[in-house]
């Protein structure tokens, strides 16, 4: 007879349990939501936080890495200037400015209370979804009406101030509508924060969306992000992720092309320094014929930082004429740094074009010598070369104010590390 014993809770798991007991009665949604939260959190603790034995967490031993779990509320009411001038800011459940025509915004608590929003996770190994559903207490439900072309970007702003913050957004973009949304996470101090942010995004027929995630949290922070996307017929989504901060980062991207002609682009920049651990994990399902996708991830690794990119593309048997391409390129600028890339292609259709590639390199010595020979100091020359490597991805956005703003984020980070 084999007897299996449940391992004792880690310090991180115990701290999460303590926090849940302290706040569960005050979380929004009433008894029905509390029942869902308790079930999801109980299931998470019962299995334990994922370890390397869980395939989707193979390069990120979450159970061991999540050591610091701060207590208390962690969202600041402070509102900073938007990344792009003129953007509408939705911050910490408080709107700043007039919502553009064609846009409706309802806060998360209202949707939860009236039963039009339920808490859920993607599956048993969805630790981010379970954790967020258990604790989520703020966020927005945003609807872009059919045919609306929203000129000014909308910024979902979260300024963290130590403690815990758990945000959940539901965004529905109507047929033939267009909008740019910026999801921005910042830390206002040095106190460690634990943040989870889950977004469910649905694009109807011919919708066109640019979604930008700028994660610039403090060096002691843990950030768990997840965006779940459904693309309708001829819908187009460009998702750009800039990771430029934090101690333990897990950013998940889950996309399904549900309508013919749908197009998905992922552009990512991971700027890794110190002893941080950053994991970007993507699953992409091409579920119908005639859809396209491209993913380009650029990574820069300094110091003892570790990075991960897992990208899974799955082509369904009937999804003929799929065109899917994925690339992960890394500048490894330290002997102590690491970066792991795991591309996966699961192709069950025979008339498709799918490819993936990965590179790891140091700065090109010839390029560095060329710049130094023209009187440019080595540190400046190295920064210029790194900047050119990652800026190439951002420039594909074809939106000058947005591109300039993201260049600024990258430049600020590089000035501190190169």
Protein backbone atom coordinates (compact mmCIF):
# COMPACT_ATOMS: atom_id res chain seq x y z
CA UNK A 1 0.00 0.00 0.00
CA UNK A 2 1.32 3.41 -0.95
CA UNK A 3 0.59 6.27 1.39
CA UNK A 4 0.87 9.78 -0.06
CA UNK A 5 1.17 12.61 2.38
CA UNK A 6 0.38 16.20 1.54
CA UNK A 7 3.46 18.39 1.88
CA UNK A 8 3.23 21.14 4.49
CA UNK A 9 2.37 24.61 3.29
CA UNK A 10 5.31 26.76 2.33
CA UNK A 11 5.73 30.15 3.97
CA UNK A 12 4.26 31.74 0.84
CA UNK A 13 1.22 29.45 0.81
CA UNK A 14 0.67 30.00 4.53
CA UNK A 15 0.83 33.77 4.05
CA UNK A 16 -1.73 33.57 1.23
CA UNK A 17 -4.02 31.50 3.44
CA UNK A 18 -3.71 33.98 6.28
CA UNK A 19 -4.49 36.86 3.93
CA UNK A 20 -7.53 35.09 2.48
CA UNK A 21 -8.96 34.45 5.97
CA UNK A 22 -8.42 38.11 6.83
CA UNK A 23 -10.07 39.65 3.76
CA UNK A 24 -12.61 37.14 2.40
CA UNK A 25 -15.62 38.60 4.19
CA UNK A 26 -14.88 42.07 2.86
CA UNK A 27 -14.39 41.05 -0.78
CA UNK A 28 -17.13 42.18 -3.19
CA UNK A 29 -19.83 39.92 -4.61
CA UNK A 30 -21.74 38.62 -1.58
CA UNK A 31 -22.28 35.03 -0.54
CA UNK A 32 -22.37 33.52 -4.06
CA UNK A 33 -19.02 35.03 -5.00
CA UNK A 34 -17.52 34.10 -1.64
CA UNK A 35 -18.51 30.51 -2.23
CA UNK A 36 -16.74 30.57 -5.61
CA UNK A 37 -13.69 32.25 -4.14
CA UNK A 38 -13.43 29.74 -1.29
CA UNK A 39 -13.74 26.79 -3.68
CA UNK A 40 -11.07 28.15 -6.05
CA UNK A 41 -8.66 29.09 -3.29
CA UNK A 42 -9.20 25.77 -1.53
CA UNK A 43 -8.44 23.90 -4.76
CA UNK A 44 -5.27 25.94 -5.24
CA UNK A 45 -3.99 25.24 -1.74
CA UNK A 46 -5.02 21.61 -1.93
CA UNK A 47 -2.80 21.07 -4.98
CA UNK A 48 -0.19 23.52 -3.75
CA UNK A 49 1.36 26.26 -5.86
CA UNK A 50 2.79 24.79 -9.09
CA UNK A 51 6.29 23.39 -9.22
CA UNK A 52 8.53 22.30 -12.09
CA UNK A 53 6.56 19.03 -12.20
CA UNK A 54 3.68 20.95 -13.79
CA UNK A 55 4.49 21.17 -17.51
CA UNK A 56 3.26 24.73 -17.98
CA UNK A 57 5.42 25.85 -15.03
CA UNK A 58 8.49 23.77 -15.86
CA UNK A 59 10.88 26.74 -15.93
CA UNK A 60 9.26 28.65 -13.08
CA UNK A 61 9.04 26.82 -9.78
CA UNK A 62 6.35 29.10 -8.43
CA UNK A 63 6.06 27.25 -5.11
CA UNK A 64 9.72 27.87 -4.31
CA UNK A 65 10.02 31.33 -5.84
CA UNK A 66 7.02 32.93 -4.13
CA UNK A 67 8.64 33.65 -0.79
CA UNK A 68 7.54 37.20 0.04
CA UNK A 69 3.77 37.54 0.31
CA UNK A 70 2.94 40.94 1.79
CA UNK A 71 -0.29 41.47 3.69
CA UNK A 72 -2.74 44.35 3.45
CA UNK A 73 -4.25 46.28 0.56
CA UNK A 74 -1.77 47.40 -2.07
CA UNK A 75 -3.40 49.81 -4.49
CA UNK A 76 -2.56 53.48 -4.24
CA UNK A 77 -5.17 56.09 -5.10
CA UNK A 78 -2.37 58.10 -6.65
CA UNK A 79 -2.88 58.75 -10.36
CA UNK A 80 0.13 59.51 -12.53
CA UNK A 81 0.27 61.14 -15.93
CA UNK A 82 -0.75 58.73 -18.68
CA UNK A 83 1.92 57.17 -20.80
CA UNK A 84 0.46 58.91 -23.86
CA UNK A 85 -0.74 62.50 -23.58
CA UNK A 86 -4.51 62.81 -23.98
CA UNK A 87 -5.30 59.24 -22.94
CA UNK A 88 -8.35 58.49 -20.81
CA UNK A 89 -7.15 57.09 -17.49
CA UNK A 90 -9.10 54.46 -15.57
CA UNK A 91 -7.23 54.07 -12.30
CA UNK A 92 -7.98 52.06 -9.16
CA UNK A 93 -11.72 52.07 -9.79
CA UNK A 94 -11.73 55.84 -10.21
CA UNK A 95 -12.14 57.44 -13.59
CA UNK A 96 -10.15 60.50 -14.53
CA UNK A 97 -11.59 62.42 -17.42
CA UNK A 98 -14.52 61.90 -19.74
CA UNK A 99 -15.03 58.47 -21.24
CA UNK A 100 -14.96 58.76 -25.06
CA UNK A 101 -18.11 58.37 -27.13
CA UNK A 102 -18.91 54.74 -27.86
CA UNK A 103 -17.25 53.52 -24.67
CA UNK A 104 -19.06 52.34 -21.56
CA UNK A 105 -17.31 51.51 -18.31
CA UNK A 106 -18.74 49.64 -15.33
CA UNK A 107 -16.66 48.83 -12.27
CA UNK A 108 -15.85 45.22 -11.44
CA UNK A 109 -17.72 45.25 -8.13
CA UNK A 110 -21.03 46.22 -9.79
CA UNK A 111 -20.75 43.46 -12.40
CA UNK A 112 -19.96 40.92 -9.72
CA UNK A 113 -22.84 42.04 -7.51
CA UNK A 114 -25.48 41.90 -10.26
CA UNK A 115 -24.37 38.41 -11.32
CA UNK A 116 -23.32 39.41 -14.85
CA UNK A 117 -19.73 38.42 -14.08
CA UNK A 118 -18.59 35.17 -12.54
CA UNK A 119 -15.23 34.20 -11.16
CA UNK A 120 -13.48 31.37 -12.95
CA UNK A 121 -10.11 29.88 -13.81
CA UNK A 122 -8.89 28.26 -17.02
CA UNK A 123 -8.16 24.82 -15.56
CA UNK A 124 -6.57 22.94 -12.70
CA UNK A 125 -3.03 24.18 -13.48
CA UNK A 126 -4.15 27.81 -13.79
CA UNK A 127 -2.58 29.11 -10.57
CA UNK A 128 -2.79 32.72 -11.76
CA UNK A 129 -6.51 32.40 -12.49
CA UNK A 130 -7.26 30.66 -9.21
CA UNK A 131 -5.34 33.21 -7.16
CA UNK A 132 -6.86 36.16 -8.96
CA UNK A 133 -10.42 34.82 -8.76
CA UNK A 134 -10.02 34.24 -5.02
CA UNK A 135 -8.85 37.77 -4.24
CA UNK A 136 -10.02 40.03 -7.12
CA UNK A 137 -11.65 43.16 -5.76
CA UNK A 138 -11.26 45.82 -8.40
CA UNK A 139 -11.18 46.34 -12.15
CA UNK A 140 -13.39 47.40 -15.01
CA UNK A 141 -15.88 46.03 -17.51
CA UNK A 142 -15.35 48.02 -20.70
CA UNK A 143 -17.53 47.84 -23.80
CA UNK A 144 -16.63 49.47 -27.12
CA UNK A 145 -19.82 49.82 -29.17
CA UNK A 146 -20.10 48.42 -32.71
CA UNK A 147 -18.47 50.70 -35.25
CA UNK A 148 -16.84 53.02 -32.68
CA UNK A 149 -13.37 54.29 -33.57
CA UNK A 150 -11.88 55.53 -30.29
CA UNK A 151 -9.20 58.07 -31.16
CA UNK A 152 -7.52 58.64 -27.78
CA UNK A 153 -6.00 55.63 -26.00
CA UNK A 154 -7.55 54.28 -22.81
CA UNK A 155 -5.05 53.60 -20.00
CA UNK A 156 -5.86 51.05 -17.30
CA UNK A 157 -3.54 52.35 -14.62
CA UNK A 158 -2.56 50.56 -11.43
CA UNK A 159 -0.13 52.24 -9.05
CA UNK A 160 0.89 49.77 -6.37
CA UNK A 161 1.98 50.74 -2.91
CA UNK A 162 3.12 47.53 -1.22
CA UNK A 163 0.72 44.86 0.03
CA UNK A 164 -1.56 42.93 -2.32
CA UNK A 165 -3.63 44.05 -5.31
CA UNK A 166 -5.80 41.82 -7.50
CA UNK A 167 -7.41 43.30 -10.60
CA UNK A 168 -9.82 41.77 -13.08
CA UNK A 169 -10.96 43.38 -16.34
CA UNK A 170 -13.57 42.32 -18.88
CA UNK A 171 -13.29 44.06 -22.26
CA UNK A 172 -15.66 43.61 -25.18
CA UNK A 173 -14.88 45.30 -28.51
CA UNK A 174 -17.83 45.40 -30.89
CA UNK A 175 -17.93 44.70 -34.60
CA UNK A 176 -15.81 47.03 -36.75
CA UNK A 177 -14.70 48.99 -33.66
CA UNK A 178 -11.15 50.17 -33.01
CA UNK A 179 -9.27 51.21 -29.86
CA UNK A 180 -5.84 51.33 -28.23
CA UNK A 181 -5.65 50.23 -24.59
CA UNK A 182 -2.63 50.55 -22.32
CA UNK A 183 -2.43 48.38 -19.19
CA UNK A 184 0.16 49.93 -16.93
CA UNK A 185 1.54 48.72 -13.59
CA UNK A 186 3.82 50.89 -11.45
CA UNK A 187 5.08 50.90 -7.87
CA UNK A 188 5.07 54.12 -5.88
CA UNK A 189 7.58 53.02 -3.22
CA UNK A 190 9.99 50.34 -2.04
CA UNK A 191 7.51 48.18 -0.10
CA UNK A 192 7.04 44.77 -1.76
CA UNK A 193 3.79 44.10 -3.56
CA UNK A 194 2.00 40.99 -4.81
CA UNK A 195 -0.13 41.80 -7.82
CA UNK A 196 -2.39 39.69 -9.98
CA UNK A 197 -4.17 41.04 -13.04
CA UNK A 198 -6.47 38.99 -15.27
CA UNK A 199 -8.11 40.38 -18.41
CA UNK A 200 -10.70 38.69 -20.58
CA UNK A 201 -10.78 40.35 -24.01
CA UNK A 202 -13.23 39.57 -26.80
CA UNK A 203 -13.04 41.07 -30.29
CA UNK A 204 -16.06 40.83 -32.55
CA UNK A 205 -16.02 40.77 -36.36
CA UNK A 206 -13.51 43.22 -37.96
CA UNK A 207 -12.59 44.78 -34.62
CA UNK A 208 -9.08 46.24 -34.52
CA UNK A 209 -7.30 46.59 -31.16
CA UNK A 210 -3.83 47.50 -30.00
CA UNK A 211 -3.26 46.37 -26.40
CA UNK A 212 -0.06 47.41 -24.63
CA UNK A 213 1.06 46.04 -21.26
CA UNK A 214 3.76 48.08 -19.51
CA UNK A 215 4.93 46.31 -16.37
CA UNK A 216 7.29 48.53 -14.44
CA UNK A 217 6.96 47.42 -10.84
CA UNK A 218 9.47 47.64 -8.02
CA UNK A 219 12.47 45.38 -7.60
CA UNK A 220 10.85 43.47 -4.71
CA UNK A 221 7.44 42.95 -6.37
CA UNK A 222 5.75 39.82 -7.66
CA UNK A 223 3.43 40.23 -10.64
CA UNK A 224 1.09 37.59 -12.05
CA UNK A 225 -0.60 38.68 -15.29
CA UNK A 226 -2.94 36.86 -17.61
CA UNK A 227 -4.79 37.99 -20.72
CA UNK A 228 -7.35 35.69 -22.36
CA UNK A 229 -8.37 36.64 -25.91
CA UNK A 230 -11.02 35.52 -28.38
CA UNK A 231 -10.74 36.87 -31.94
CA UNK A 232 -13.80 36.98 -34.18
CA UNK A 233 -13.98 36.98 -37.98
CA UNK A 234 -11.41 39.31 -39.56
CA UNK A 235 -10.57 40.74 -36.11
CA UNK A 236 -7.07 42.06 -35.56
CA UNK A 237 -5.16 42.29 -32.28
CA UNK A 238 -1.66 43.63 -31.75
CA UNK A 239 -0.47 42.84 -28.22
CA UNK A 240 2.75 44.51 -27.05
CA UNK A 241 4.27 43.58 -23.68
CA UNK A 242 7.09 45.52 -22.04
CA UNK A 243 8.48 43.91 -18.90
CA UNK A 244 10.79 46.42 -17.22
CA UNK A 245 10.70 45.72 -13.51
CA UNK A 246 9.70 43.37 -10.73
CA UNK A 247 11.30 40.48 -8.88
CA UNK A 248 9.07 37.54 -9.87
CA UNK A 249 7.03 38.01 -13.05
CA UNK A 250 4.70 35.57 -14.78
CA UNK A 251 2.82 37.02 -17.77
CA UNK A 252 0.46 34.62 -19.51
CA UNK A 253 -1.11 35.17 -22.94
CA UNK A 254 -3.88 32.85 -24.11
CA UNK A 255 -5.39 33.49 -27.54
CA UNK A 256 -7.99 31.70 -29.66
CA UNK A 257 -8.71 32.65 -33.26
CA UNK A 258 -12.43 31.89 -33.38
CA UNK A 259 -13.30 33.56 -36.71
CA UNK A 260 -11.85 33.18 -40.21
CA UNK A 261 -9.49 35.97 -41.25
CA UNK A 262 -8.45 36.75 -37.67
CA UNK A 263 -4.90 38.07 -37.19
CA UNK A 264 -2.86 38.11 -33.98
CA UNK A 265 0.48 39.84 -33.42
CA UNK A 266 2.53 39.56 -30.23
CA UNK A 267 5.47 41.88 -29.74
CA UNK A 268 7.38 41.55 -26.48
CA UNK A 269 10.39 43.17 -24.82
CA UNK A 270 11.80 41.65 -21.64
CA UNK A 271 14.39 43.79 -19.86
CA UNK A 272 15.85 41.64 -17.11
CA UNK A 273 18.32 42.68 -14.43
CA UNK A 274 19.36 42.04 -10.83
CA UNK A 275 18.20 38.63 -9.58
CA UNK A 276 14.75 38.86 -11.13
CA UNK A 277 12.83 35.98 -12.72
CA UNK A 278 10.52 36.79 -15.66
CA UNK A 279 8.35 34.23 -17.43
CA UNK A 280 6.23 34.99 -20.51
CA UNK A 281 4.04 32.02 -21.42
CA UNK A 282 1.74 31.99 -24.47
CA UNK A 283 -0.78 29.52 -25.84
CA UNK A 284 -2.32 30.26 -29.23
CA UNK A 285 -5.06 28.18 -30.78
CA UNK A 286 -5.77 28.47 -34.50
CA UNK A 287 -9.21 26.93 -34.40
CA UNK A 288 -10.64 27.94 -37.81
CA UNK A 289 -9.22 28.14 -41.37
CA UNK A 290 -7.45 31.18 -42.88
CA UNK A 291 -6.01 32.86 -39.80
CA UNK A 292 -2.57 34.40 -39.23
CA UNK A 293 -0.27 35.12 -36.31
CA UNK A 294 3.28 36.35 -35.66
CA UNK A 295 5.11 36.56 -32.34
CA UNK A 296 8.44 38.34 -31.87
CA UNK A 297 10.00 38.43 -28.41
CA UNK A 298 13.23 40.33 -27.70
CA UNK A 299 15.01 39.66 -24.39
CA UNK A 300 17.94 41.43 -22.73
CA UNK A 301 19.53 39.73 -19.72
CA UNK A 302 21.91 41.39 -17.26
CA UNK A 303 23.34 40.37 -13.88
CA UNK A 304 21.87 37.15 -12.40
CA UNK A 305 18.47 37.55 -14.00
CA UNK A 306 16.61 34.59 -15.40
CA UNK A 307 14.02 34.67 -18.17
CA UNK A 308 11.59 32.29 -19.81
CA UNK A 309 9.54 32.36 -23.00
CA UNK A 310 7.20 29.46 -23.62
CA UNK A 311 5.16 29.70 -26.80
CA UNK A 312 2.69 27.04 -27.84
CA UNK A 313 0.90 27.23 -31.21
CA UNK A 314 -1.82 24.67 -31.83
CA UNK A 315 -3.46 24.28 -35.26
CA UNK A 316 -6.76 22.40 -35.25
CA UNK A 317 -7.37 19.66 -37.88
CA UNK A 318 -9.80 21.80 -39.89
CA UNK A 319 -7.77 25.05 -39.59
CA UNK A 320 -6.33 24.89 -43.12
CA UNK A 321 -4.37 27.86 -44.58
CA UNK A 322 -3.10 28.85 -41.13
CA UNK A 323 0.03 31.03 -41.25
CA UNK A 324 1.81 31.15 -37.86
CA UNK A 325 5.35 32.33 -37.12
CA UNK A 326 7.18 32.77 -33.82
CA UNK A 327 10.66 34.06 -32.91
CA UNK A 328 12.48 34.60 -29.62
CA UNK A 329 15.77 36.51 -29.70
CA UNK A 330 17.96 37.08 -26.66
CA UNK A 331 20.94 39.25 -25.81
CA UNK A 332 22.64 37.45 -22.92
CA UNK A 333 24.95 40.07 -21.41
CA UNK A 334 26.09 38.30 -18.26
CA UNK A 335 27.76 34.96 -17.54
CA UNK A 336 25.44 34.53 -14.56
CA UNK A 337 22.22 35.28 -16.43
CA UNK A 338 19.94 32.67 -18.00
CA UNK A 339 17.21 32.59 -20.59
CA UNK A 340 15.10 29.54 -21.52
CA UNK A 341 13.02 29.40 -24.69
CA UNK A 342 10.51 26.65 -25.34
CA UNK A 343 8.62 26.85 -28.64
CA UNK A 344 5.91 24.26 -29.30
CA UNK A 345 4.06 23.63 -32.54
CA UNK A 346 1.14 21.20 -32.51
CA UNK A 347 -0.12 21.00 -36.10
CA UNK A 348 -3.05 18.78 -37.02
CA UNK A 349 -3.81 20.32 -40.45
CA UNK A 350 -1.72 19.64 -43.59
CA UNK A 351 -2.10 22.85 -45.64
CA UNK A 352 -0.46 25.37 -43.30
CA UNK A 353 2.70 27.45 -42.90
CA UNK A 354 4.16 27.38 -39.39
CA UNK A 355 7.66 28.20 -38.19
CA UNK A 356 9.59 29.13 -35.09
CA UNK A 357 13.12 30.21 -34.30
CA UNK A 358 15.26 31.23 -31.36
CA UNK A 359 18.65 32.92 -31.00
CA UNK A 360 20.93 33.75 -28.06
CA UNK A 361 23.92 36.04 -28.53
CA UNK A 362 26.16 38.69 -27.01
CA UNK A 363 26.55 42.19 -28.46
CA UNK A 364 28.27 42.03 -31.83
CA UNK A 365 31.94 42.91 -31.23
CA UNK A 366 32.31 44.43 -34.71
CA UNK A 367 29.39 46.78 -34.17
CA UNK A 368 30.73 47.75 -30.75
CA UNK A 369 34.21 48.43 -32.18
CA UNK A 370 32.71 50.56 -34.96
CA UNK A 371 30.94 52.85 -32.50
CA UNK A 372 33.95 53.08 -30.14
CA UNK A 373 36.24 53.91 -33.05
CA UNK A 374 34.11 57.01 -33.63
CA UNK A 375 34.70 58.28 -30.12
CA UNK A 376 31.57 56.93 -28.46
CA UNK A 377 32.27 55.68 -24.90
CA UNK A 378 31.82 51.92 -24.53
CA UNK A 379 28.91 52.15 -22.07
CA UNK A 380 27.04 54.49 -24.41
CA UNK A 381 27.82 52.32 -27.41
CA UNK A 382 26.55 49.19 -25.66
CA UNK A 383 23.35 50.97 -24.65
CA UNK A 384 22.82 52.16 -28.23
CA UNK A 385 23.16 48.62 -29.58
CA UNK A 386 20.82 47.12 -26.97
CA UNK A 387 18.33 49.89 -27.59
CA UNK A 388 18.36 49.26 -31.33
CA UNK A 389 17.82 45.54 -30.71
CA UNK A 390 14.60 46.04 -28.72
CA UNK A 391 13.32 49.24 -30.34
CA UNK A 392 12.91 47.38 -33.61
CA UNK A 393 9.99 45.49 -32.07
CA UNK A 394 8.27 48.59 -30.71
CA UNK A 395 8.57 50.47 -33.97
CA UNK A 396 6.32 47.91 -35.64
CA UNK A 397 3.37 49.40 -33.77
CA UNK A 398 3.15 52.16 -36.40
CA UNK A 399 1.78 54.69 -33.89
CA UNK A 400 4.24 57.52 -33.30
CA UNK A 401 3.03 58.80 -29.89
CA UNK A 402 2.80 55.24 -28.58
CA UNK A 403 6.16 54.25 -30.04
CA UNK A 404 7.84 57.34 -28.58
CA UNK A 405 6.36 56.61 -25.15
CA UNK A 406 7.59 53.01 -25.18
CA UNK A 407 11.02 54.12 -26.37
CA UNK A 408 11.08 56.32 -23.27
CA UNK A 409 10.26 53.37 -20.98
CA UNK A 410 13.03 51.30 -22.53
CA UNK A 411 15.58 54.12 -22.45
CA UNK A 412 14.87 54.86 -18.79
CA UNK A 413 15.44 51.22 -17.86
CA UNK A 414 18.65 50.93 -19.89
CA UNK A 415 20.12 54.08 -18.35
CA UNK A 416 19.93 52.32 -14.96
CA UNK A 417 21.45 49.03 -16.12
CA UNK A 418 24.01 49.73 -18.87
